[in-house]
Amino acid sequence: MSAIDIQQLVVGAIQGLASSTIFVLVLFIGFCVVVGFTKLKKTAGGSAKVVKSLDERVTHQPMEYLPPTAPRGPADQLQSPELVEAAARK
């Protein structure tokens, strides 16, 4: 095996590795772009371009979030006796 044969072998290996790497990168970036474009649909409220939930998609109404002062059920952790007592001490 001469030096020219080894050089051709190394160049061929690098060329094959580079072409397969570029193919995978183009495939991955193309997939990300296509999937990214599917997210750019107007939301029900019209203010954002992303559908935030399935409920928004079905009802065509924007999601209404609870305010921080809304009760959280039978065990309201924001109003626990320990926190109320600690706030009263301050």
PDB file of N, CA and C in Angstrom:
ATOM      1  N   MET A   1       0.855  -1.177   0.000  1.00  0.00           N
ATOM      2  CA  MET A   1       0.000   0.000   0.000  1.00  0.00           C
ATOM      3  C   MET A   1       0.899   1.238   0.000  1.00  0.00           C
ATOM      4  N   SER A   2       0.736   2.081  -0.970  1.00  0.00           N
ATOM      5  CA  SER A   2       1.588   3.256  -1.099  1.00  0.00           C
ATOM      6  C   SER A   2       0.976   4.453  -0.367  1.00  0.00           C
ATOM      7  N   ALA A   3       1.720   5.522  -0.343  1.00  0.00           N
ATOM      8  CA  ALA A   3       1.277   6.743   0.338  1.00  0.00           C
ATOM      9  C   ALA A   3       0.062   7.348  -0.371  1.00  0.00           C
ATOM     10  N   ILE A   4       0.005   7.206  -1.676  1.00  0.00           N
ATOM     11  CA  ILE A   4      -1.126   7.745  -2.441  1.00  0.00           C
ATOM     12  C   ILE A   4      -2.407   6.985  -2.102  1.00  0.00           C
ATOM     13  N   ASP A   5      -2.288   5.678  -1.935  1.00  0.00           N
ATOM     14  CA  ASP A   5      -3.460   4.871  -1.565  1.00  0.00           C
ATOM     15  C   ASP A   5      -3.969   5.244  -0.174  1.00  0.00           C
ATOM     16  N   ILE A   6      -3.054   5.436   0.763  1.00  0.00           N
ATOM     17  CA  ILE A   6      -3.441   5.818   2.135  1.00  0.00           C
ATOM     18  C   ILE A   6      -4.085   7.193   2.136  1.00  0.00           C
ATOM     19  N   GLN A   7      -3.518   8.111   1.337  1.00  0.00           N
ATOM     20  CA  GLN A   7      -4.068   9.458   1.256  1.00  0.00           C
ATOM     21  C   GLN A   7      -5.489   9.415   0.678  1.00  0.00           C
ATOM     22  N   GLN A   8      -5.706   8.642  -0.362  1.00  0.00           N
ATOM     23  CA  GLN A   8      -7.042   8.524  -0.943  1.00  0.00           C
ATOM     24  C   GLN A   8      -8.022   7.898   0.041  1.00  0.00           C
ATOM     25  N   LEU A   9      -7.559   6.938   0.827  1.00  0.00           N
ATOM     26  CA  LEU A   9      -8.402   6.289   1.823  1.00  0.00           C
ATOM     27  C   LEU A   9      -8.818   7.276   2.917  1.00  0.00           C
ATOM     28  N   VAL A  10      -7.870   8.078   3.392  1.00  0.00           N
ATOM     29  CA  VAL A  10      -8.159   9.062   4.436  1.00  0.00           C
ATOM     30  C   VAL A  10      -9.100  10.142   3.902  1.00  0.00           C
ATOM     31  N   VAL A  11      -8.832  10.624   2.697  1.00  0.00           N
ATOM     32  CA  VAL A  11      -9.692  11.658   2.096  1.00  0.00           C
ATOM     33  C   VAL A  11     -11.104  11.114   1.874  1.00  0.00           C
ATOM     34  N   GLY A  12     -11.219   9.875   1.434  1.00  0.00           N
ATOM     35  CA  GLY A  12     -12.537   9.266   1.232  1.00  0.00           C
ATOM     36  C   GLY A  12     -13.298   9.102   2.538  1.00  0.00           C
ATOM     37  N   ALA A  13     -12.582   8.709   3.605  1.00  0.00           N
ATOM     38  CA  ALA A  13     -13.227   8.558   4.914  1.00  0.00           C
ATOM     39  C   ALA A  13     -13.708   9.904   5.442  1.00  0.00           C
ATOM     40  N   ILE A  14     -12.879  10.927   5.314  1.00  0.00           N
ATOM     41  CA  ILE A  14     -13.277  12.266   5.777  1.00  0.00           C
ATOM     42  C   ILE A  14     -14.438  12.792   4.946  1.00  0.00           C
ATOM     43  N   GLN A  15     -14.411  12.574   3.657  1.00  0.00           N
ATOM     44  CA  GLN A  15     -15.488  13.014   2.775  1.00  0.00           C
ATOM     45  C   GLN A  15     -16.803  12.313   3.121  1.00  0.00           C
ATOM     46  N   GLY A  16     -16.739  11.014   3.369  1.00  0.00           N
ATOM     47  CA  GLY A  16     -17.945  10.269   3.742  1.00  0.00           C
ATOM     48  C   GLY A  16     -18.502  10.718   5.076  1.00  0.00           C
ATOM     49  N   LEU A  17     -17.632  10.940   6.047  1.00  0.00           N
ATOM     50  CA  LEU A  17     -18.065  11.399   7.366  1.00  0.00           C
ATOM     51  C   LEU A  17     -18.672  12.798   7.281  1.00  0.00           C
ATOM     52  N   ALA A  18     -18.041  13.674   6.516  1.00  0.00           N
ATOM     53  CA  ALA A  18     -18.551  15.043   6.375  1.00  0.00           C
ATOM     54  C   ALA A  18     -19.899  15.060   5.669  1.00  0.00           C
ATOM     55  N   SER A  19     -20.050  14.266   4.621  1.00  0.00           N
ATOM     56  CA  SER A  19     -21.319  14.279   3.882  1.00  0.00           C
ATOM     57  C   SER A  19     -22.451  13.693   4.726  1.00  0.00           C
ATOM     58  N   SER A  20     -22.181  12.641   5.497  1.00  0.00           N
ATOM     59  CA  SER A  20     -23.237  12.084   6.341  1.00  0.00           C
ATOM     60  C   SER A  20     -23.593  13.037   7.479  1.00  0.00           C
ATOM     61  N   THR A  21     -22.597  13.754   8.009  1.00  0.00           N
ATOM     62  CA  THR A  21     -22.861  14.738   9.068  1.00  0.00           C
ATOM     63  C   THR A  21     -23.719  15.879   8.536  1.00  0.00           C
ATOM     64  N   ILE A  22     -23.395  16.368   7.361  1.00  0.00           N
ATOM     65  CA  ILE A  22     -24.181  17.455   6.762  1.00  0.00           C
ATOM     66  C   ILE A  22     -25.598  16.990   6.465  1.00  0.00           C
ATOM     67  N   PHE A  23     -25.758  15.770   5.988  1.00  0.00           N
ATOM     68  CA  PHE A  23     -27.092  15.236   5.712  1.00  0.00           C
ATOM     69  C   PHE A  23     -27.927  15.176   6.982  1.00  0.00           C
ATOM     70  N   VAL A  24     -27.347  14.682   8.064  1.00  0.00           N
ATOM     71  CA  VAL A  24     -28.089  14.578   9.331  1.00  0.00           C
ATOM     72  C   VAL A  24     -28.428  15.962   9.859  1.00  0.00           C
ATOM     73  N   LEU A  25     -27.513  16.905   9.763  1.00  0.00           N
ATOM     74  CA  LEU A  25     -27.789  18.272  10.217  1.00  0.00           C
ATOM     75  C   LEU A  25     -28.912  18.917   9.409  1.00  0.00           C
ATOM     76  N   VAL A  26     -28.883  18.768   8.094  1.00  0.00           N
ATOM     77  CA  VAL A  26     -29.939  19.336   7.254  1.00  0.00           C
ATOM     78  C   VAL A  26     -31.279  18.684   7.580  1.00  0.00           C
ATOM     79  N   LEU A  27     -31.284  17.389   7.782  1.00  0.00           N
ATOM     80  CA  LEU A  27     -32.508  16.684   8.139  1.00  0.00           C
ATOM     81  C   LEU A  27     -33.052  17.175   9.475  1.00  0.00           C
ATOM     82  N   PHE A  28     -32.191  17.309  10.471  1.00  0.00           N
ATOM     83  CA  PHE A  28     -32.609  17.754  11.794  1.00  0.00           C
ATOM     84  C   PHE A  28     -33.104  19.192  11.772  1.00  0.00           C
ATOM     85  N   ILE A  29     -32.364  20.085  11.120  1.00  0.00           N
ATOM     86  CA  ILE A  29     -32.773  21.486  11.051  1.00  0.00           C
ATOM     87  C   ILE A  29     -34.069  21.623  10.265  1.00  0.00           C
ATOM     88  N   GLY A  30     -34.222  20.879   9.187  1.00  0.00           N
ATOM     89  CA  GLY A  30     -35.473  20.923   8.422  1.00  0.00           C
ATOM     90  C   GLY A  30     -36.651  20.450   9.241  1.00  0.00           C
ATOM     91  N   PHE A  31     -36.465  19.384  10.011  1.00  0.00           N
ATOM     92  CA  PHE A  31     -37.540  18.893  10.875  1.00  0.00           C
ATOM     93  C   PHE A  31     -37.916  19.937  11.915  1.00  0.00           C
ATOM     94  N   CYS A  32     -36.914  20.573  12.516  1.00  0.00           N
ATOM     95  CA  CYS A  32     -37.191  21.597  13.531  1.00  0.00           C
ATOM     96  C   CYS A  32     -37.938  22.788  12.931  1.00  0.00           C
ATOM     97  N   VAL A  33     -37.584  23.173  11.727  1.00  0.00           N
ATOM     98  CA  VAL A  33     -38.269  24.295  11.075  1.00  0.00           C
ATOM     99  C   VAL A  33     -39.713  23.924  10.755  1.00  0.00           C
ATOM    100  N   VAL A  34     -39.936  22.741  10.215  1.00  0.00           N
ATOM    101  CA  VAL A  34     -41.302  22.318   9.874  1.00  0.00           C
ATOM    102  C   VAL A  34     -42.166  22.224  11.126  1.00  0.00           C
ATOM    103  N   VAL A  35     -41.640  21.627  12.181  1.00  0.00           N
ATOM    104  CA  VAL A  35     -42.404  21.509  13.423  1.00  0.00           C
ATOM    105  C   VAL A  35     -42.600  22.888  14.044  1.00  0.00           C
ATOM    106  N   GLY A  36     -41.625  23.761  13.912  1.00  0.00           N
ATOM    107  CA  GLY A  36     -41.761  25.123  14.440  1.00  0.00           C
ATOM    108  C   GLY A  36     -42.853  25.897  13.735  1.00  0.00           C
ATOM    109  N   PHE A  37     -43.012  25.716  12.429  1.00  0.00           N
ATOM    110  CA  PHE A  37     -44.062  26.425  11.703  1.00  0.00           C
ATOM    111  C   PHE A  37     -45.453  25.953  12.099  1.00  0.00           C
ATOM    112  N   THR A  38     -45.576  24.712  12.526  1.00  0.00           N
ATOM    113  CA  THR A  38     -46.902  24.245  12.942  1.00  0.00           C
ATOM    114  C   THR A  38     -47.333  24.885  14.247  1.00  0.00           C
ATOM    115  N   LYS A  39     -46.401  25.413  15.011  1.00  0.00           N
ATOM    116  CA  LYS A  39     -46.755  26.079  16.264  1.00  0.00           C
ATOM    117  C   LYS A  39     -47.204  27.517  16.033  1.00  0.00           C
ATOM    118  N   LEU A  40     -46.950  28.077  14.869  1.00  0.00           N
ATOM    119  CA  LEU A  40     -47.254  29.479  14.626  1.00  0.00           C
ATOM    120  C   LEU A  40     -48.698  29.670  14.170  1.00  0.00           C
ATOM    121  N   LYS A  41     -49.615  29.194  14.964  1.00  0.00           N
ATOM    122  CA  LYS A  41     -51.032  29.403  14.683  1.00  0.00           C
ATOM    123  C   LYS A  41     -51.577  30.350  15.727  1.00  0.00           C
ATOM    124  N   LYS A  42     -52.506  31.177  15.329  1.00  0.00           N
ATOM    125  CA  LYS A  42     -53.043  32.149  16.273  1.00  0.00           C
ATOM    126  C   LYS A  42     -53.745  31.448  17.412  1.00  0.00           C
ATOM    127  N   THR A  43     -53.552  31.982  18.591  1.00  0.00           N
ATOM    128  CA  THR A  43     -54.233  31.456  19.761  1.00  0.00           C
ATOM    129  C   THR A  43     -55.660  31.995  19.777  1.00  0.00           C
ATOM    130  N   ALA A  44     -56.473  31.473  20.650  1.00  0.00           N
ATOM    131  CA  ALA A  44     -57.887  31.852  20.685  1.00  0.00           C
ATOM    132  C   ALA A  44     -58.059  33.326  21.011  1.00  0.00           C
ATOM    133  N   GLY A  45     -57.191  33.880  21.852  1.00  0.00           N
ATOM    134  CA  GLY A  45     -57.313  35.270  22.234  1.00  0.00           C
ATOM    135  C   GLY A  45     -56.814  36.221  21.167  1.00  0.00           C
ATOM    136  N   GLY A  46     -56.000  35.757  20.273  1.00  0.00           N
ATOM    137  CA  GLY A  46     -55.487  36.607  19.208  1.00  0.00           C
ATOM    138  C   GLY A  46     -54.231  37.358  19.593  1.00  0.00           C
ATOM    139  N   SER A  47     -53.784  37.264  20.852  1.00  0.00           N
ATOM    140  CA  SER A  47     -52.622  38.032  21.268  1.00  0.00           C
ATOM    141  C   SER A  47     -51.316  37.288  21.015  1.00  0.00           C
ATOM    142  N   ALA A  48     -51.341  35.978  21.059  1.00  0.00           N
ATOM    143  CA  ALA A  48     -50.120  35.200  20.846  1.00  0.00           C
ATOM    144  C   ALA A  48     -50.315  34.263  19.661  1.00  0.00           C
ATOM    145  N   LYS A  49     -49.231  33.743  19.139  1.00  0.00           N
ATOM    146  CA  LYS A  49     -49.312  32.862  17.983  1.00  0.00           C
ATOM    147  C   LYS A  49     -49.112  31.406  18.349  1.00  0.00           C
ATOM    148  N   VAL A  50     -49.266  31.053  19.610  1.00  0.00           N
ATOM    149  CA  VAL A  50     -49.060  29.679  20.035  1.00  0.00           C
ATOM    150  C   VAL A  50     -50.316  29.180  20.730  1.00  0.00           C
ATOM    151  N   VAL A  51     -50.772  28.001  20.355  1.00  0.00           N
ATOM    152  CA  VAL A  51     -51.888  27.384  21.053  1.00  0.00           C
ATOM    153  C   VAL A  51     -51.350  26.806  22.341  1.00  0.00           C
ATOM    154  N   LYS A  52     -51.868  27.288  23.446  1.00  0.00           N
ATOM    155  CA  LYS A  52     -51.297  26.918  24.732  1.00  0.00           C
ATOM    156  C   LYS A  52     -51.885  25.636  25.291  1.00  0.00           C
ATOM    157  N   SER A  53     -53.088  25.276  24.898  1.00  0.00           N
ATOM    158  CA  SER A  53     -53.686  24.071  25.457  1.00  0.00           C
ATOM    159  C   SER A  53     -54.717  23.505  24.494  1.00  0.00           C
ATOM    160  N   LEU A  54     -55.080  22.267  24.726  1.00  0.00           N
ATOM    161  CA  LEU A  54     -56.109  21.625  23.925  1.00  0.00           C
ATOM    162  C   LEU A  54     -57.465  22.281  24.157  1.00  0.00           C
ATOM    163  N   ASP A  55     -57.703  22.725  25.379  1.00  0.00           N
ATOM    164  CA  ASP A  55     -58.962  23.403  25.708  1.00  0.00           C
ATOM    165  C   ASP A  55     -59.125  24.672  24.872  1.00  0.00           C
ATOM    166  N   GLU A  56     -58.034  25.393  24.692  1.00  0.00           N
ATOM    167  CA  GLU A  56     -58.063  26.598  23.872  1.00  0.00           C
ATOM    168  C   GLU A  56     -58.392  26.259  22.419  1.00  0.00           C
ATOM    169  N   ARG A  57     -57.844  25.159  21.935  1.00  0.00           N
ATOM    170  CA  ARG A  57     -58.069  24.738  20.556  1.00  0.00           C
ATOM    171  C   ARG A  57     -59.537  24.346  20.344  1.00  0.00           C
ATOM    172  N   VAL A  58     -60.131  23.654  21.312  1.00  0.00           N
ATOM    173  CA  VAL A  58     -61.495  23.146  21.162  1.00  0.00           C
ATOM    174  C   VAL A  58     -62.532  24.239  21.363  1.00  0.00           C
ATOM    175  N   THR A  59     -62.366  25.063  22.410  1.00  0.00           N
ATOM    176  CA  THR A  59     -63.387  26.071  22.738  1.00  0.00           C
ATOM    177  C   THR A  59     -63.208  27.378  21.987  1.00  0.00           C
ATOM    178  N   HIS A  60     -62.051  27.608  21.383  1.00  0.00           N
ATOM    179  CA  HIS A  60     -61.739  28.869  20.693  1.00  0.00           C
ATOM    180  C   HIS A  60     -61.849  30.060  21.637  1.00  0.00           C
ATOM    181  N   GLN A  61     -61.590  29.836  22.911  1.00  0.00           N
ATOM    182  CA  GLN A  61     -61.566  30.884  23.920  1.00  0.00           C
ATOM    183  C   GLN A  61     -60.176  30.909  24.549  1.00  0.00           C
ATOM    184  N   PRO A  62     -59.658  32.085  24.868  1.00  0.00           N
ATOM    185  CA  PRO A  62     -58.347  32.117  25.520  1.00  0.00           C
ATOM    186  C   PRO A  62     -58.431  31.526  26.922  1.00  0.00           C
ATOM    187  N   MET A  63     -57.342  31.001  27.379  1.00  0.00           N
ATOM    188  CA  MET A  63     -57.282  30.400  28.707  1.00  0.00           C
ATOM    189  C   MET A  63     -57.413  31.488  29.756  1.00  0.00           C
ATOM    190  N   GLU A  64     -58.234  31.260  30.760  1.00  0.00           N
ATOM    191  CA  GLU A  64     -58.377  32.209  31.867  1.00  0.00           C
ATOM    192  C   GLU A  64     -57.667  31.629  33.076  1.00  0.00           C
ATOM    193  N   TYR A  65     -56.671  32.336  33.539  1.00  0.00           N
ATOM    194  CA  TYR A  65     -55.874  31.859  34.652  1.00  0.00           C
ATOM    195  C   TYR A  65     -56.407  32.457  35.954  1.00  0.00           C
ATOM    196  N   LEU A  66     -56.258  31.714  37.029  1.00  0.00           N
ATOM    197  CA  LEU A  66     -56.713  32.177  38.337  1.00  0.00           C
ATOM    198  C   LEU A  66     -55.761  33.253  38.866  1.00  0.00           C
ATOM    199  N   PRO A  67     -56.319  34.257  39.567  1.00  0.00           N
ATOM    200  CA  PRO A  67     -55.440  35.244  40.196  1.00  0.00           C
ATOM    201  C   PRO A  67     -54.725  34.616  41.400  1.00  0.00           C
ATOM    202  N   PRO A  68     -53.646  35.213  41.862  1.00  0.00           N
ATOM    203  CA  PRO A  68     -52.912  34.644  42.996  1.00  0.00           C
ATOM    204  C   PRO A  68     -53.725  34.575  44.280  1.00  0.00           C
ATOM    205  N   THR A  69     -54.769  35.384  44.389  1.00  0.00           N
ATOM    206  CA  THR A  69     -55.562  35.404  45.621  1.00  0.00           C
ATOM    207  C   THR A  69     -56.718  34.419  45.592  1.00  0.00           C
ATOM    208  N   ALA A  70     -56.898  33.685  44.519  1.00  0.00           N
ATOM    209  CA  ALA A  70     -58.011  32.739  44.415  1.00  0.00           C
ATOM    210  C   ALA A  70     -57.792  31.576  45.375  1.00  0.00           C
ATOM    211  N   PRO A  71     -58.861  31.087  46.011  1.00  0.00           N
ATOM    212  CA  PRO A  71     -58.699  29.940  46.901  1.00  0.00           C
ATOM    213  C   PRO A  71     -58.253  28.711  46.123  1.00  0.00           C
ATOM    214  N   ARG A  72     -57.456  27.874  46.751  1.00  0.00           N
ATOM    215  CA  ARG A  72     -56.863  26.733  46.069  1.00  0.00           C
ATOM    216  C   ARG A  72     -57.471  25.400  46.496  1.00  0.00           C
ATOM    217  N   GLY A  73     -58.647  25.415  47.038  1.00  0.00           N
ATOM    218  CA  GLY A  73     -59.278  24.157  47.437  1.00  0.00           C
ATOM    219  C   GLY A  73     -59.341  24.024  48.946  1.00  0.00           C
ATOM    220  N   PRO A  74     -59.650  22.809  49.417  1.00  0.00           N
ATOM    221  CA  PRO A  74     -59.829  22.630  50.859  1.00  0.00           C
ATOM    222  C   PRO A  74     -58.542  22.852  51.664  1.00  0.00           C
ATOM    223  N   ALA A  75     -57.395  22.634  51.095  1.00  0.00           N
ATOM    224  CA  ALA A  75     -56.134  22.836  51.805  1.00  0.00           C
ATOM    225  C   ALA A  75     -55.381  23.964  51.116  1.00  0.00           C
ATOM    226  N   ASP A  76     -55.717  25.189  51.473  1.00  0.00           N
ATOM    227  CA  ASP A  76     -55.082  26.348  50.863  1.00  0.00           C
ATOM    228  C   ASP A  76     -53.722  26.555  51.510  1.00  0.00           C
ATOM    229  N   GLN A  77     -52.671  26.195  50.816  1.00  0.00           N
ATOM    230  CA  GLN A  77     -51.335  26.252  51.398  1.00  0.00           C
ATOM    231  C   GLN A  77     -50.843  27.679  51.596  1.00  0.00           C
ATOM    232  N   LEU A  78     -51.428  28.611  50.845  1.00  0.00           N
ATOM    233  CA  LEU A  78     -51.020  29.995  51.024  1.00  0.00           C
ATOM    234  C   LEU A  78     -51.578  30.588  52.308  1.00  0.00           C
ATOM    235  N   GLN A  79     -52.626  29.997  52.846  1.00  0.00           N
ATOM    236  CA  GLN A  79     -53.244  30.486  54.072  1.00  0.00           C
ATOM    237  C   GLN A  79     -53.135  29.458  55.196  1.00  0.00           C
ATOM    238  N   SER A  80     -52.061  28.704  55.233  1.00  0.00           N
ATOM    239  CA  SER A  80     -51.883  27.697  56.283  1.00  0.00           C
ATOM    240  C   SER A  80     -51.654  28.396  57.622  1.00  0.00           C
ATOM    241  N   PRO A  81     -52.011  27.743  58.714  1.00  0.00           N
ATOM    242  CA  PRO A  81     -51.836  28.383  60.029  1.00  0.00           C
ATOM    243  C   PRO A  81     -50.397  28.815  60.297  1.00  0.00           C
ATOM    244  N   GLU A  82     -49.435  28.043  59.819  1.00  0.00           N
ATOM    245  CA  GLU A  82     -48.040  28.408  60.051  1.00  0.00           C
ATOM    246  C   GLU A  82     -47.677  29.710  59.345  1.00  0.00           C
ATOM    247  N   LEU A  83     -48.126  29.858  58.113  1.00  0.00           N
ATOM    248  CA  LEU A  83     -47.811  31.073  57.362  1.00  0.00           C
ATOM    249  C   LEU A  83     -48.564  32.285  57.911  1.00  0.00           C
ATOM    250  N   VAL A  84     -49.806  32.086  58.312  1.00  0.00           N
ATOM    251  CA  VAL A  84     -50.588  33.184  58.885  1.00  0.00           C
ATOM    252  C   VAL A  84     -49.948  33.635  60.184  1.00  0.00           C
ATOM    253  N   GLU A  85     -49.503  32.673  60.988  1.00  0.00           N
ATOM    254  CA  GLU A  85     -48.873  33.001  62.272  1.00  0.00           C
ATOM    255  C   GLU A  85     -47.535  33.721  62.048  1.00  0.00           C
ATOM    256  N   ALA A  86     -46.755  33.262  61.067  1.00  0.00           N
ATOM    257  CA  ALA A  86     -45.476  33.898  60.773  1.00  0.00           C
ATOM    258  C   ALA A  86     -45.681  35.311  60.254  1.00  0.00           C
ATOM    259  N   ALA A  87     -46.720  35.525  59.462  1.00  0.00           N
ATOM    260  CA  ALA A  87     -47.003  36.867  58.945  1.00  0.00           C
ATOM    261  C   ALA A  87     -47.465  37.782  60.050  1.00  0.00           C
ATOM    262  N   ALA A  88     -48.205  37.245  61.029  1.00  0.00           N
ATOM    263  CA  ALA A  88     -48.686  38.055  62.135  1.00  0.00           C
ATOM    264  C   ALA A  88     -47.538  38.484  63.031  1.00  0.00           C
ATOM    265  N   ARG A  89     -46.488  37.672  63.133  1.00  0.00           N
ATOM    266  CA  ARG A  89     -45.342  38.017  63.970  1.00  0.00           C
ATOM    267  C   ARG A  89     -44.514  39.133  63.352  1.00  0.00           C
ATOM    268  N   LYS A  90     -44.562  39.274  62.045  1.00  0.00           N
ATOM    269  CA  LYS A  90     -43.760  40.306  61.374  1.00  0.00           C
ATOM    270  C   LYS A  90     -44.461  41.601  61.526  1.00  0.00           C
TER     271      LYS A  90
END
